[in-house]
Amino acid sequence: MRPPRPLAGIAGPPAIRPPSIRLPTILALGAFAVLGSMGAADIAGGGSELTAAKAVLLGVIEGVTEFLPVSSTGHLLVSGNLLGVGTNGDASKAAADAYSIVIQGGAILAVFVLYFSRVRQIVMGLFGRDDDGRRLLVNLVIAFAPAAVIGLVAEGPIKRVLFGPWPVVAAWVAGGLVILWLSKRGTLAPDREGVRSLTDLTPRDAVIIGIAQAVAMWPGTSRSLVTIVAAALLGYSLAAAVEFAFVLGLLTLSAATVYDLLKHGDEITTAYGVGPPLIGFVTAFLAAVVAIRWMVGYLQSHSFAVFGWYRLAAASVTVVLIASGALAIA
């Protein structure tokens, strides 16, 4: 499987023909439409259970949205609510919340495969055989640390207070407005001149990006978004910001996935068994491959603003679902 072509300014593998701009958007919004039109709670049967059909749908949503700046956690919370997954008591919600983290593994694998050359460079740096890889590894660990500490300390309050439709709507709107504002200023333009590359990343900037990444613990914010925005505001090119968001995601999301799997793995298998989560994992991997290829190709010459408009649209759809009673509010 060939990796996607890097954005301008990043040397790397040959170009690929990116999928149409409409593909990831249709997949995500189409999933919402299917859920709403079917009443969502009993799709393919199973009530509050995670059936194979629900696992496929949630896997597509996770894979498409994980590395796009639109928040996979927000999408999974809203979609899982519509499907009735996690709405049958506290134990059911705990399993669903954990599953929304663990299913990230499929998307993580997609980045590992597509950016294997960068991963290999980091591993070589770990053993002192690549200076650029070593510097990148150090900066990744530095950027990872703030979110890891805050996540361990505040995990409970975050899940109790913020894992709901209204916090997601608020984050979608805020992030959408930030994207549109920065896009208008040219901060997120692919052809900005006089900007820094990934090899210019410093430990100081890694700390700032890591602190910003902690903001993404608010569902609907998007870890990719805050990483890209923080790096862009620090003077890095959109190419460097996007690639660092992807690579940092390997570390951050892998840690979160392993942590939740160890802590809540029994709850997930008790509630859903092994089959549906595995189906969701594979589906997320395939969907993420398509979405990442598309995003990298699209940002070669297009505005980042499309993600801002998408976030506002997703927030609007969610408000309508809440008002209509289709979306349950705890």
Protein backbone atom coordinates (compact mmCIF):
# COMPACT_ATOMS: atom_id res chain seq x y z
CA MET A 1 0.00 0.00 0.00
CA ARG A 2 1.56 3.31 -1.06
CA PRO A 3 1.62 6.20 1.41
CA PRO A 4 -0.12 9.48 0.53
CA ARG A 5 1.84 12.24 -1.09
CA PRO A 6 3.08 14.69 1.54
CA LEU A 7 1.99 18.31 1.42
CA ALA A 8 4.23 20.87 -0.23
CA GLY A 9 7.53 21.23 1.56
CA ILE A 10 7.73 17.64 2.81
CA ALA A 11 9.88 15.27 0.81
CA GLY A 12 8.40 11.84 0.44
CA PRO A 13 6.72 9.17 -1.66
CA PRO A 14 5.22 9.62 -5.13
CA ALA A 15 1.91 11.30 -5.67
CA ILE A 16 -1.38 9.48 -5.62
CA ARG A 17 -4.65 10.58 -7.11
CA PRO A 18 -6.71 11.73 -4.12
CA PRO A 19 -10.34 10.68 -3.86
CA SER A 20 -12.99 13.27 -4.57
CA ILE A 21 -13.59 15.97 -1.96
CA ARG A 22 -17.12 14.67 -1.64
CA LEU A 23 -16.20 11.17 -0.48
CA PRO A 24 -15.37 11.63 3.23
CA THR A 25 -18.10 14.25 3.61
CA ILE A 26 -20.71 11.99 2.05
CA LEU A 27 -19.59 9.06 4.22
CA ALA A 28 -19.88 11.01 7.46
CA LEU A 29 -23.02 13.04 6.71
CA GLY A 30 -24.56 10.05 4.96
CA ALA A 31 -24.07 8.02 8.13
CA PHE A 32 -25.97 10.66 10.09
CA ALA A 33 -28.76 10.61 7.50
CA VAL A 34 -29.07 6.83 7.63
CA LEU A 35 -29.13 6.85 11.41
CA GLY A 36 -31.80 9.53 11.61
CA SER A 37 -34.05 8.04 8.92
CA MET A 38 -34.09 4.64 10.60
CA GLY A 39 -34.87 5.98 14.04
CA ALA A 40 -31.32 4.80 14.80
CA ALA A 41 -32.02 2.78 17.93
CA ASP A 42 -32.85 -0.49 16.23
CA ILE A 43 -30.73 -0.48 13.08
CA ALA A 44 -30.22 -4.09 12.06
CA GLY A 45 -31.90 -5.08 15.32
CA GLY A 46 -30.25 -5.50 18.65
CA GLY A 47 -31.64 -2.51 20.57
CA SER A 48 -28.80 -1.13 22.67
CA GLU A 49 -26.40 -3.89 21.57
CA LEU A 50 -23.47 -3.31 19.24
CA THR A 51 -24.56 -5.37 16.25
CA ALA A 52 -22.32 -6.06 13.25
CA ALA A 53 -24.17 -3.43 11.20
CA LYS A 54 -23.72 -0.82 13.91
CA ALA A 55 -20.06 -1.74 14.25
CA VAL A 56 -19.52 -1.20 10.52
CA LEU A 57 -21.29 2.16 10.59
CA LEU A 58 -19.38 3.35 13.65
CA GLY A 59 -16.15 2.05 12.14
CA VAL A 60 -16.69 4.11 8.99
CA ILE A 61 -17.45 7.20 11.04
CA GLU A 62 -14.36 6.67 13.23
CA GLY A 63 -12.05 6.02 10.30
CA VAL A 64 -13.24 9.00 8.28
CA THR A 65 -13.19 11.49 11.14
CA GLU A 66 -10.22 10.44 13.33
CA PHE A 67 -7.49 12.38 11.54
CA LEU A 68 -9.68 14.97 9.87
CA PRO A 69 -10.09 18.11 12.04
CA VAL A 70 -13.75 17.37 12.81
CA SER A 71 -13.52 15.19 15.97
CA SER A 72 -14.06 11.47 15.79
CA THR A 73 -15.07 11.33 19.46
CA GLY A 74 -17.83 13.87 18.87
CA HIS A 75 -19.10 11.94 15.86
CA LEU A 76 -19.04 8.64 17.73
CA LEU A 77 -20.84 10.08 20.75
CA VAL A 78 -23.65 11.48 18.63
CA SER A 79 -23.85 8.46 16.34
CA GLY A 80 -23.70 5.97 19.21
CA ASN A 81 -26.48 7.88 20.95
CA LEU A 82 -28.63 7.75 17.83
CA LEU A 83 -27.96 4.03 17.48
CA GLY A 84 -28.87 3.41 21.09
CA VAL A 85 -25.37 2.08 21.86
CA GLY A 86 -24.48 2.92 25.45
CA THR A 87 -27.93 4.17 26.45
CA ASN A 88 -28.93 1.22 28.64
CA GLY A 89 -27.59 2.33 32.04
CA ASP A 90 -24.21 3.37 33.44
CA ALA A 91 -22.45 0.09 32.62
CA SER A 92 -23.62 0.29 29.02
CA LYS A 93 -22.45 3.90 28.73
CA ALA A 94 -19.06 3.05 30.22
CA ALA A 95 -18.58 0.27 27.68
CA ALA A 96 -19.67 2.53 24.82
CA ASP A 97 -17.38 5.36 25.92
CA ALA A 98 -14.45 2.93 26.15
CA TYR A 99 -15.31 1.42 22.77
CA SER A 100 -15.26 4.89 21.19
CA ILE A 101 -11.63 5.17 22.34
CA VAL A 102 -10.52 1.62 21.54
CA ILE A 103 -11.93 1.65 18.00
CA GLN A 104 -9.32 4.31 17.26
CA GLY A 105 -6.89 1.42 16.86
CA GLY A 106 -8.02 0.88 13.29
CA ALA A 107 -7.31 4.49 12.35
CA ILE A 108 -3.97 4.36 14.16
CA LEU A 109 -2.98 1.33 12.09
CA ALA A 110 -3.83 3.25 8.91
CA VAL A 111 -1.37 6.03 9.81
CA PHE A 112 1.26 3.47 10.77
CA VAL A 113 0.95 1.81 7.36
CA LEU A 114 0.72 5.00 5.30
CA TYR A 115 3.55 6.74 7.13
CA PHE A 116 5.73 3.74 7.79
CA SER A 117 8.81 5.51 6.42
CA ARG A 118 8.42 8.24 9.06
CA VAL A 119 7.82 5.64 11.77
CA ARG A 120 10.92 3.80 10.64
CA GLN A 121 12.92 7.04 10.85
CA ILE A 122 11.71 7.55 14.44
CA VAL A 123 12.68 3.98 15.37
CA MET A 124 16.09 4.48 13.82
CA GLY A 125 16.43 7.66 15.87
CA LEU A 126 15.58 5.72 19.02
CA PHE A 127 18.65 3.57 18.40
CA GLY A 128 20.84 6.55 17.52
CA ARG A 129 20.99 5.85 13.80
CA ASP A 130 19.04 8.87 12.53
CA ASP A 131 19.53 12.36 14.01
CA ASP A 132 16.32 13.81 12.52
CA GLY A 133 14.39 10.79 13.74
CA ARG A 134 15.83 11.18 17.23
CA ARG A 135 14.88 14.87 17.39
CA LEU A 136 11.38 14.12 16.18
CA LEU A 137 11.01 11.34 18.75
CA VAL A 138 12.08 13.66 21.58
CA ASN A 139 9.61 16.32 20.45
CA LEU A 140 6.82 13.75 20.14
CA VAL A 141 7.37 12.60 23.72
CA ILE A 142 7.43 16.21 24.92
CA ALA A 143 4.20 17.02 23.06
CA PHE A 144 2.57 13.84 24.34
CA ALA A 145 3.31 14.46 28.03
CA PRO A 146 0.84 17.29 28.86
CA ALA A 147 -2.18 15.48 27.46
CA ALA A 148 -1.13 12.23 29.15
CA VAL A 149 -0.86 13.86 32.57
CA ILE A 150 -4.08 15.85 32.27
CA GLY A 151 -5.90 12.83 30.88
CA LEU A 152 -4.92 10.64 33.81
CA VAL A 153 -5.89 13.29 36.36
CA ALA A 154 -9.13 14.50 34.78
CA GLU A 155 -10.45 11.42 32.95
CA GLY A 156 -13.42 10.91 35.26
CA PRO A 157 -14.76 14.51 35.28
CA ILE A 158 -14.22 14.82 31.53
CA LYS A 159 -16.31 11.74 30.76
CA ARG A 160 -19.02 12.65 33.29
CA VAL A 161 -19.44 16.27 32.24
CA LEU A 162 -18.38 16.56 28.62
CA PHE A 163 -19.37 13.27 26.97
CA GLY A 164 -22.75 14.47 25.76
CA PRO A 165 -24.39 16.07 22.69
CA TRP A 166 -24.42 19.69 23.87
CA PRO A 167 -20.69 19.88 24.73
CA VAL A 168 -19.98 18.34 21.32
CA VAL A 169 -22.15 20.94 19.58
CA ALA A 170 -20.37 23.76 21.41
CA ALA A 171 -16.94 22.41 20.45
CA TRP A 172 -17.94 21.87 16.82
CA VAL A 173 -19.14 25.46 16.54
CA ALA A 174 -16.10 26.94 18.29
CA GLY A 175 -13.68 24.91 16.19
CA GLY A 176 -15.53 25.71 12.99
CA LEU A 177 -15.37 29.44 13.64
CA VAL A 178 -11.65 29.22 14.48
CA ILE A 179 -10.94 27.39 11.22
CA LEU A 180 -12.88 29.93 9.15
CA TRP A 181 -11.14 32.85 10.88
CA LEU A 182 -7.63 31.41 10.46
CA SER A 183 -8.37 30.37 6.86
CA LYS A 184 -9.45 33.92 6.04
CA ARG A 185 -6.22 35.25 7.58
CA GLY A 186 -4.19 32.81 5.50
CA THR A 187 -2.71 31.08 8.55
CA LEU A 188 -3.88 27.69 7.28
CA ALA A 189 -3.09 28.30 3.61
CA PRO A 190 -1.09 25.53 1.89
CA ASP A 191 1.09 28.05 0.01
CA ARG A 192 2.17 30.30 2.87
CA GLU A 193 5.69 31.60 2.40
CA GLY A 194 8.44 31.95 4.97
CA VAL A 195 7.18 29.20 7.25
CA ARG A 196 9.02 26.49 9.17
CA SER A 197 9.20 22.79 8.30
CA LEU A 198 8.88 19.75 10.53
CA THR A 199 12.66 19.52 10.94
CA ASP A 200 12.59 23.00 12.55
CA LEU A 201 10.41 21.81 15.44
CA THR A 202 11.86 22.76 18.84
CA PRO A 203 11.19 21.30 22.31
CA ARG A 204 9.62 24.62 23.35
CA ASP A 205 7.15 24.47 20.48
CA ALA A 206 6.48 20.80 21.21
CA VAL A 207 5.46 21.76 24.77
CA ILE A 208 3.07 24.41 23.47
CA ILE A 209 1.54 22.00 20.96
CA GLY A 210 1.22 19.36 23.68
CA ILE A 211 -0.62 21.75 26.00
CA ALA A 212 -2.91 22.73 23.14
CA GLN A 213 -3.55 19.06 22.42
CA ALA A 214 -4.98 18.66 25.92
CA VAL A 215 -7.85 20.95 24.89
CA ALA A 216 -8.98 18.18 22.54
CA MET A 217 -10.09 16.11 25.53
CA TRP A 218 -13.29 18.13 25.18
CA PRO A 219 -15.29 15.93 22.76
CA GLY A 220 -15.98 17.67 19.48
CA THR A 221 -12.79 19.74 19.58
CA SER A 222 -10.53 17.39 17.55
CA ARG A 223 -6.99 16.50 18.48
CA SER A 224 -5.90 16.94 14.87
CA LEU A 225 -7.42 20.42 14.74
CA VAL A 226 -5.74 21.81 17.85
CA THR A 227 -2.41 20.28 16.86
CA ILE A 228 -2.57 21.76 13.36
CA VAL A 229 -3.76 25.16 14.57
CA ALA A 230 -1.14 25.37 17.33
CA ALA A 231 1.67 24.46 14.94
CA ALA A 232 0.42 26.90 12.29
CA LEU A 233 0.22 29.73 14.82
CA LEU A 234 3.79 28.95 15.86
CA GLY A 235 4.88 29.57 12.28
CA TYR A 236 5.02 26.06 10.85
CA SER A 237 3.75 25.25 7.39
CA LEU A 238 0.43 23.51 6.94
CA ALA A 239 2.40 20.55 5.62
CA ALA A 240 4.47 20.29 8.81
CA ALA A 241 1.42 20.88 11.03
CA VAL A 242 -0.62 18.14 9.37
CA GLU A 243 2.18 15.59 9.37
CA PHE A 244 3.04 16.28 13.00
CA ALA A 245 -0.65 15.89 13.89
CA PHE A 246 -0.68 12.48 12.22
CA VAL A 247 2.55 11.25 13.79
CA LEU A 248 1.71 12.65 17.23
CA GLY A 249 -1.63 10.86 16.92
CA LEU A 250 0.21 7.55 16.67
CA LEU A 251 1.64 8.10 20.13
CA THR A 252 -1.30 9.85 21.81
CA LEU A 253 -4.06 7.66 20.41
CA SER A 254 -2.10 4.45 20.89
CA ALA A 255 -1.59 5.31 24.56
CA ALA A 256 -5.27 6.19 25.03
CA THR A 257 -6.40 3.04 23.23
CA VAL A 258 -4.14 0.72 25.22
CA TYR A 259 -5.07 2.45 28.49
CA ASP A 260 -8.81 2.12 27.90
CA LEU A 261 -8.46 -1.42 26.61
CA LEU A 262 -6.60 -2.50 29.74
CA LYS A 263 -8.98 -0.62 32.03
CA HIS A 264 -12.28 -1.37 30.30
CA GLY A 265 -11.54 -4.34 28.05
CA ASP A 266 -13.65 -6.69 30.16
CA GLU A 267 -16.59 -4.26 30.02
CA ILE A 268 -16.33 -4.03 26.23
CA THR A 269 -16.20 -7.79 25.68
CA THR A 270 -18.94 -8.40 28.24
CA ALA A 271 -21.23 -5.87 26.60
CA TYR A 272 -20.40 -6.51 22.93
CA GLY A 273 -18.37 -9.71 22.65
CA VAL A 274 -15.34 -9.88 20.36
CA GLY A 275 -16.87 -9.95 16.87
CA PRO A 276 -18.51 -6.51 16.56
CA PRO A 277 -15.54 -4.58 18.04
CA LEU A 278 -13.21 -6.42 15.66
CA ILE A 279 -15.47 -5.55 12.72
CA GLY A 280 -15.42 -1.91 13.80
CA PHE A 281 -11.62 -1.99 14.03
CA VAL A 282 -11.17 -3.31 10.49
CA THR A 283 -13.75 -0.92 9.06
CA ALA A 284 -12.10 2.03 10.81
CA PHE A 285 -8.74 1.06 9.29
CA LEU A 286 -10.10 0.94 5.74
CA ALA A 287 -12.07 4.18 6.11
CA ALA A 288 -9.06 5.97 7.63
CA VAL A 289 -6.83 4.98 4.71
CA VAL A 290 -9.27 6.64 2.30
CA ALA A 291 -9.78 9.72 4.48
CA ILE A 292 -6.07 10.34 5.09
CA ARG A 293 -5.21 9.96 1.42
CA TRP A 294 -8.00 12.37 0.54
CA MET A 295 -7.07 14.98 3.15
CA VAL A 296 -3.39 15.08 2.18
CA GLY A 297 -4.23 15.33 -1.52
CA TYR A 298 -6.96 17.90 -1.00
CA LEU A 299 -4.83 20.24 1.09
CA GLN A 300 -2.22 20.41 -1.65
CA SER A 301 -4.21 23.18 -3.30
CA HIS A 302 -7.47 23.78 -1.42
CA SER A 303 -8.57 25.86 1.53
CA PHE A 304 -8.77 24.39 5.03
CA ALA A 305 -12.09 26.24 5.39
CA VAL A 306 -14.12 23.25 4.17
CA PHE A 307 -13.60 21.64 7.59
CA GLY A 308 -14.91 24.74 9.34
CA TRP A 309 -18.10 24.70 7.29
CA TYR A 310 -18.46 20.97 7.85
CA ARG A 311 -18.19 21.41 11.64
CA LEU A 312 -20.90 24.08 11.62
CA ALA A 313 -23.09 21.82 9.50
CA ALA A 314 -22.55 18.87 11.85
CA ALA A 315 -23.44 21.07 14.84
CA SER A 316 -26.60 22.27 13.11
CA VAL A 317 -27.70 18.71 12.28
CA THR A 318 -27.08 17.67 15.89
CA VAL A 319 -29.14 20.58 17.24
CA VAL A 320 -32.01 19.56 14.96
CA LEU A 321 -31.76 15.96 16.18
CA ILE A 322 -31.83 17.14 19.81
CA ALA A 323 -34.81 19.42 19.19
CA SER A 324 -36.72 16.66 17.39
CA GLY A 325 -36.13 14.21 20.25
CA ALA A 326 -34.16 11.81 18.04
CA LEU A 327 -31.06 12.37 20.14
CA ALA A 328 -31.29 11.42 23.81
CA ILE A 329 -29.97 13.88 26.40
CA ALA A 330 -28.74 12.37 29.66
